[in-house]
Amino acid sequence: MLPGWLKKLITPTGRTRQADDLSALAPAQRFYAIGDIHGRLDLLQTLLPALDDTCPLIFVGDYIDRGDYSAQVLHHLHHLSASSGGRVVCLKGNHEDMLLGFLDDPEKVARVWLHNGGQQTLASFGLASADLTNPEAVATQLQQAMGPSLLDWLRERPLIWTSGNVAVVHAALDPSRPVDKQQARTCLWGHQRFPEKRRKDGQWVIHGHTIVTDPQQENGVISIDTGAFATGQLTAAEIAAGSVRFISTGRNGVFSVDL
């Protein structure tokens, strides 16, 4: 049974659904989009071997906070992307944005970031006993613990990745704006008309950020945040021309569902 606080984060599935014609799904190449990890290095290490390592891997962001191994997840993805020759793309999520905001303006951002899992991230970088009443000092300690290479990499994370008529983003795209005209806040935090309003340009959107009980697709939107940090289910979507396959971690390893 899911705890009450997690149920509040899960998107209801009772909204009106609009069936999709998967034949309209036309990426330029087969690829995988991987949902929010939130410090669950164990799930990431379970899921990756089940994916074809010759295909692009697109991570939707939220690598940190809530789970216990945020630092390790960041280092793992940093190394993976640096050694992949461009095959691995890590997008920025709102939790990475909060961490960076904390480093830039500790007094302003400390409360909201720490309330949303930042303390677990600090602990993963060896700062479990940091004095949280002094955000400036903690920010300095965190910056030193991360090091310039990891920090620069995190700041450089893109917001959107596209292939054919498919876009991958952390939270949402404004359905009334072209993909290349999106606002950063929408990409990171969401939009009130997403995902209910179908885009008119034929663009499909894959996103995380909003927890769903099971991965789903409707209205040209594919949702893959299955609450890994609490549920143990980390989901990837294998996207190919005219087809979607969900691959998830579970109690007995990895399982898949074809649409």
Protein backbone atom coordinates (compact mmCIF):
# COMPACT_ATOMS: atom_id res chain seq x y z
CA MET A 1 0.00 0.00 0.00
CA LEU A 2 1.31 3.43 -0.90
CA PRO A 3 1.70 5.99 1.92
CA GLY A 4 -0.81 8.83 1.97
CA TRP A 5 1.74 11.52 1.15
CA LEU A 6 2.74 9.65 -2.01
CA LYS A 7 -0.87 9.17 -3.10
CA LYS A 8 -1.25 12.96 -3.10
CA LEU A 9 1.56 13.23 -5.67
CA ILE A 10 0.11 10.66 -8.05
CA THR A 11 -1.89 11.93 -10.99
CA PRO A 12 -5.45 10.57 -11.02
CA THR A 13 -6.12 8.26 -13.95
CA GLY A 14 -9.82 9.08 -14.22
CA ARG A 15 -9.45 12.01 -16.62
CA THR A 16 -10.83 11.73 -20.13
CA ARG A 17 -8.54 9.66 -22.33
CA GLN A 18 -8.07 10.11 -26.04
CA ALA A 19 -6.80 7.06 -27.89
CA ASP A 20 -3.57 7.54 -29.81
CA ASP A 21 -2.69 6.15 -33.20
CA LEU A 22 0.82 4.87 -32.59
CA SER A 23 1.47 4.79 -36.32
CA ALA A 24 1.87 8.58 -36.06
CA LEU A 25 4.82 8.16 -33.67
CA ALA A 26 7.89 8.82 -35.82
CA PRO A 27 11.22 9.32 -34.05
CA ALA A 28 14.27 9.61 -36.29
CA GLN A 29 15.76 6.62 -34.46
CA ARG A 30 14.89 4.11 -31.77
CA PHE A 31 15.74 5.39 -28.29
CA TYR A 32 14.96 5.03 -24.60
CA ALA A 33 13.62 7.70 -22.26
CA ILE A 34 14.27 7.00 -18.56
CA GLY A 35 12.11 8.42 -15.78
CA ASP A 36 12.90 10.23 -12.54
CA ILE A 37 15.57 8.40 -10.51
CA HIS A 38 15.65 10.49 -7.30
CA GLY A 39 18.74 8.96 -5.77
CA ARG A 40 17.84 5.31 -6.43
CA LEU A 41 21.18 4.11 -7.78
CA ASP A 42 20.12 0.52 -7.15
CA LEU A 43 17.19 0.79 -9.54
CA LEU A 44 19.28 2.54 -12.17
CA GLN A 45 21.85 -0.25 -12.04
CA THR A 46 19.08 -2.83 -12.36
CA LEU A 47 17.38 -1.13 -15.30
CA LEU A 48 20.35 -0.20 -17.50
CA PRO A 49 21.44 -3.77 -18.39
CA ALA A 50 17.93 -4.41 -19.76
CA LEU A 51 18.31 -1.62 -22.33
CA ASP A 52 20.04 -1.87 -25.70
CA ASP A 53 23.33 -0.06 -25.15
CA THR A 54 23.62 0.86 -28.83
CA CYS A 55 20.55 3.14 -28.66
CA PRO A 56 20.37 6.70 -27.34
CA LEU A 57 19.46 6.93 -23.65
CA ILE A 58 17.61 10.10 -22.68
CA PHE A 59 17.20 10.75 -18.96
CA VAL A 60 14.36 13.13 -18.09
CA GLY A 61 15.94 14.69 -14.99
CA ASP A 62 15.38 14.57 -11.22
CA TYR A 63 18.41 12.45 -10.48
CA ILE A 64 18.69 13.74 -6.93
CA ASP A 65 16.79 14.25 -3.65
CA ARG A 66 14.54 11.93 -1.64
CA GLY A 67 16.58 8.76 -2.31
CA ASP A 68 19.81 8.06 -0.43
CA TYR A 69 22.33 7.95 -3.28
CA SER A 70 21.97 11.23 -5.16
CA ALA A 71 25.70 11.92 -5.32
CA GLN A 72 26.38 8.45 -6.65
CA VAL A 73 23.64 8.76 -9.29
CA LEU A 74 25.06 12.08 -10.47
CA HIS A 75 28.59 10.71 -10.71
CA HIS A 76 27.34 7.62 -12.53
CA LEU A 77 25.39 9.63 -15.09
CA HIS A 78 28.19 12.16 -15.49
CA HIS A 79 30.62 9.37 -16.36
CA LEU A 80 28.08 7.58 -18.54
CA SER A 81 27.30 10.67 -20.61
CA ALA A 82 30.93 11.76 -20.88
CA SER A 83 32.00 8.36 -22.22
CA SER A 84 29.04 7.75 -24.55
CA GLY A 85 30.01 9.93 -27.50
CA GLY A 86 26.69 11.77 -27.29
CA ARG A 87 24.54 8.63 -27.03
CA VAL A 88 23.54 9.41 -23.43
CA VAL A 89 21.71 12.69 -22.81
CA CYS A 90 20.79 13.86 -19.31
CA LEU A 91 18.15 16.59 -19.20
CA LYS A 92 17.72 19.00 -16.31
CA GLY A 93 14.87 18.46 -13.85
CA ASN A 94 13.36 20.83 -11.32
CA HIS A 95 15.29 19.18 -8.48
CA GLU A 96 18.61 19.85 -10.22
CA ASP A 97 17.37 23.39 -10.76
CA MET A 98 16.64 23.74 -7.04
CA LEU A 99 20.11 22.46 -6.11
CA LEU A 100 21.74 24.94 -8.47
CA GLY A 101 19.48 27.68 -7.15
CA PHE A 102 20.59 26.82 -3.63
CA LEU A 103 24.24 27.15 -4.61
CA ASP A 104 23.57 30.51 -6.27
CA ASP A 105 21.27 31.98 -3.59
CA PRO A 106 21.37 29.81 -0.45
CA GLU A 107 19.23 32.02 1.79
CA LYS A 108 16.42 32.25 -0.75
CA VAL A 109 16.27 28.64 -1.92
CA ALA A 110 17.37 26.63 1.15
CA ARG A 111 13.93 26.15 2.66
CA VAL A 112 12.15 24.90 -0.46
CA TRP A 113 15.02 22.66 -1.58
CA LEU A 114 15.62 21.09 1.84
CA HIS A 115 11.88 20.51 2.22
CA ASN A 116 11.83 18.62 -1.08
CA GLY A 117 14.59 16.13 -0.43
CA GLY A 118 17.69 18.30 -0.37
CA GLN A 119 18.81 16.93 2.99
CA GLN A 120 19.19 13.45 1.52
CA THR A 121 21.32 14.90 -1.26
CA LEU A 122 23.53 16.72 1.24
CA ALA A 123 23.97 13.47 3.17
CA SER A 124 24.97 11.61 0.01
CA PHE A 125 27.78 14.14 -0.47
CA GLY A 126 28.99 13.56 3.11
CA LEU A 127 27.20 16.57 4.59
CA ALA A 128 24.62 14.85 6.81
CA SER A 129 25.78 16.85 9.84
CA ALA A 130 25.95 20.22 8.06
CA ASP A 131 24.58 23.20 10.01
CA LEU A 132 21.35 23.91 8.14
CA THR A 133 20.87 27.16 10.05
CA ASN A 134 23.77 28.56 8.00
CA PRO A 135 22.77 28.06 4.33
CA GLU A 136 25.70 30.08 2.99
CA ALA A 137 28.23 27.80 4.66
CA VAL A 138 26.38 24.66 3.59
CA ALA A 139 26.28 25.87 -0.02
CA THR A 140 30.03 26.41 0.05
CA GLN A 141 30.57 22.92 1.49
CA LEU A 142 28.32 21.36 -1.14
CA GLN A 143 30.06 23.16 -3.97
CA GLN A 144 33.40 21.86 -2.72
CA ALA A 145 32.04 18.33 -2.31
CA MET A 146 30.64 18.27 -5.84
CA GLY A 147 33.75 19.66 -7.49
CA PRO A 148 33.94 21.88 -10.58
CA SER A 149 33.64 19.12 -13.19
CA LEU A 150 30.37 17.68 -11.86
CA LEU A 151 28.95 21.11 -11.12
CA ASP A 152 29.74 22.47 -14.58
CA TRP A 153 28.19 19.38 -16.15
CA LEU A 154 25.02 19.81 -14.10
CA ARG A 155 24.67 23.47 -15.06
CA GLU A 156 25.00 22.59 -18.74
CA ARG A 157 22.12 20.09 -18.81
CA PRO A 158 19.67 20.81 -21.66
CA LEU A 159 15.93 21.16 -21.14
CA ILE A 160 14.61 19.36 -24.24
CA TRP A 161 15.77 16.61 -26.58
CA THR A 162 14.03 15.83 -29.87
CA SER A 163 14.04 13.08 -32.47
CA GLY A 164 11.66 13.23 -35.42
CA ASN A 165 8.24 14.20 -34.07
CA VAL A 166 9.08 13.22 -30.48
CA ALA A 167 10.28 15.58 -27.75
CA VAL A 168 11.60 14.54 -24.33
CA VAL A 169 11.37 17.02 -21.44
CA HIS A 170 11.35 16.82 -17.67
CA ALA A 171 7.92 18.18 -16.75
CA ALA A 172 5.89 19.58 -19.65
CA LEU A 173 5.64 21.55 -22.85
CA ASP A 174 3.18 24.40 -23.35
CA PRO A 175 0.82 22.88 -25.96
CA SER A 176 0.25 26.28 -27.57
CA ARG A 177 3.95 26.99 -28.20
CA PRO A 178 6.38 25.42 -30.68
CA VAL A 179 8.86 23.03 -29.11
CA ASP A 180 11.75 25.45 -29.72
CA LYS A 181 9.87 28.36 -28.07
CA GLN A 182 9.26 26.85 -24.65
CA GLN A 183 9.91 28.66 -21.38
CA ALA A 184 12.38 27.08 -18.96
CA ARG A 185 9.91 27.14 -16.07
CA THR A 186 7.38 25.14 -18.10
CA CYS A 187 9.98 22.53 -19.01
CA LEU A 188 11.06 22.17 -15.39
CA TRP A 189 7.84 22.62 -13.41
CA GLY A 190 4.90 21.92 -15.72
CA HIS A 191 1.99 23.68 -17.43
CA GLN A 192 -1.68 23.87 -16.47
CA ARG A 193 -2.89 22.64 -19.87
CA PHE A 194 -0.42 19.75 -20.06
CA PRO A 195 -1.04 16.90 -20.70
CA GLU A 196 -4.82 17.23 -21.19
CA LYS A 197 -4.66 19.55 -24.21
CA ARG A 198 -3.42 17.76 -27.32
CA ARG A 199 -0.83 19.56 -29.42
CA LYS A 200 -1.90 20.55 -32.93
CA ASP A 201 1.53 20.15 -34.53
CA GLY A 202 1.67 16.36 -34.29
CA GLN A 203 4.55 16.48 -31.81
CA TRP A 204 4.64 13.72 -29.21
CA VAL A 205 5.95 14.52 -25.72
CA ILE A 206 7.65 12.18 -23.24
CA HIS A 207 7.97 13.48 -19.69
CA GLY A 208 8.52 12.65 -16.03
CA HIS A 209 7.97 14.92 -12.98
CA THR A 210 4.33 13.96 -12.38
CA ILE A 211 3.99 10.58 -10.71
CA VAL A 212 1.66 8.03 -12.30
CA THR A 213 0.86 4.60 -10.88
CA ASP A 214 1.84 2.99 -14.18
CA PRO A 215 3.51 4.45 -17.29
CA GLN A 216 0.90 5.61 -19.76
CA GLN A 217 0.30 7.31 -23.09
CA GLU A 218 -2.63 9.49 -24.09
CA ASN A 219 -3.21 12.70 -26.03
CA GLY A 220 0.19 12.34 -27.67
CA VAL A 221 1.89 12.35 -24.25
CA ILE A 222 3.91 9.51 -22.72
CA SER A 223 4.31 9.71 -18.92
CA ILE A 224 7.09 7.70 -17.28
CA ASP A 225 7.60 8.93 -13.69
CA THR A 226 6.44 5.95 -11.65
CA GLY A 227 7.69 7.27 -8.28
CA ALA A 228 10.87 5.21 -8.20
CA PHE A 229 12.18 6.66 -4.94
CA ALA A 230 9.19 5.28 -3.01
CA THR A 231 7.69 2.53 -5.18
CA GLY A 232 10.85 0.81 -6.40
CA GLN A 233 9.57 1.10 -9.97
CA LEU A 234 11.92 2.97 -12.29
CA THR A 235 10.56 3.10 -15.83
CA ALA A 236 12.07 3.50 -19.27
CA ALA A 237 10.09 3.91 -22.48
CA GLU A 238 11.52 2.31 -25.59
CA ILE A 239 10.39 4.50 -28.47
CA ALA A 240 10.49 3.39 -32.10
CA ALA A 241 8.50 4.20 -35.22
CA GLY A 242 4.90 3.28 -34.44
CA SER A 243 5.64 1.53 -31.15
CA VAL A 244 6.11 2.09 -27.42
CA ARG A 245 7.39 -0.44 -24.90
CA PHE A 246 7.64 0.28 -21.19
CA ILE A 247 10.46 -1.40 -19.26
CA SER A 248 10.35 -1.14 -15.47
CA THR A 249 12.07 -2.43 -12.37
CA GLY A 250 9.94 -4.48 -10.00
CA ARG A 251 10.18 -6.80 -7.02
CA ASN A 252 11.33 -9.66 -9.22
CA GLY A 253 13.70 -7.77 -11.50
CA VAL A 254 12.77 -6.08 -14.75
CA PHE A 255 9.50 -6.48 -16.66
CA SER A 256 8.15 -4.93 -19.86
CA VAL A 257 4.79 -3.95 -21.35
CA ASP A 258 4.19 -3.42 -25.06
CA LEU A 259 1.53 -1.00 -26.27
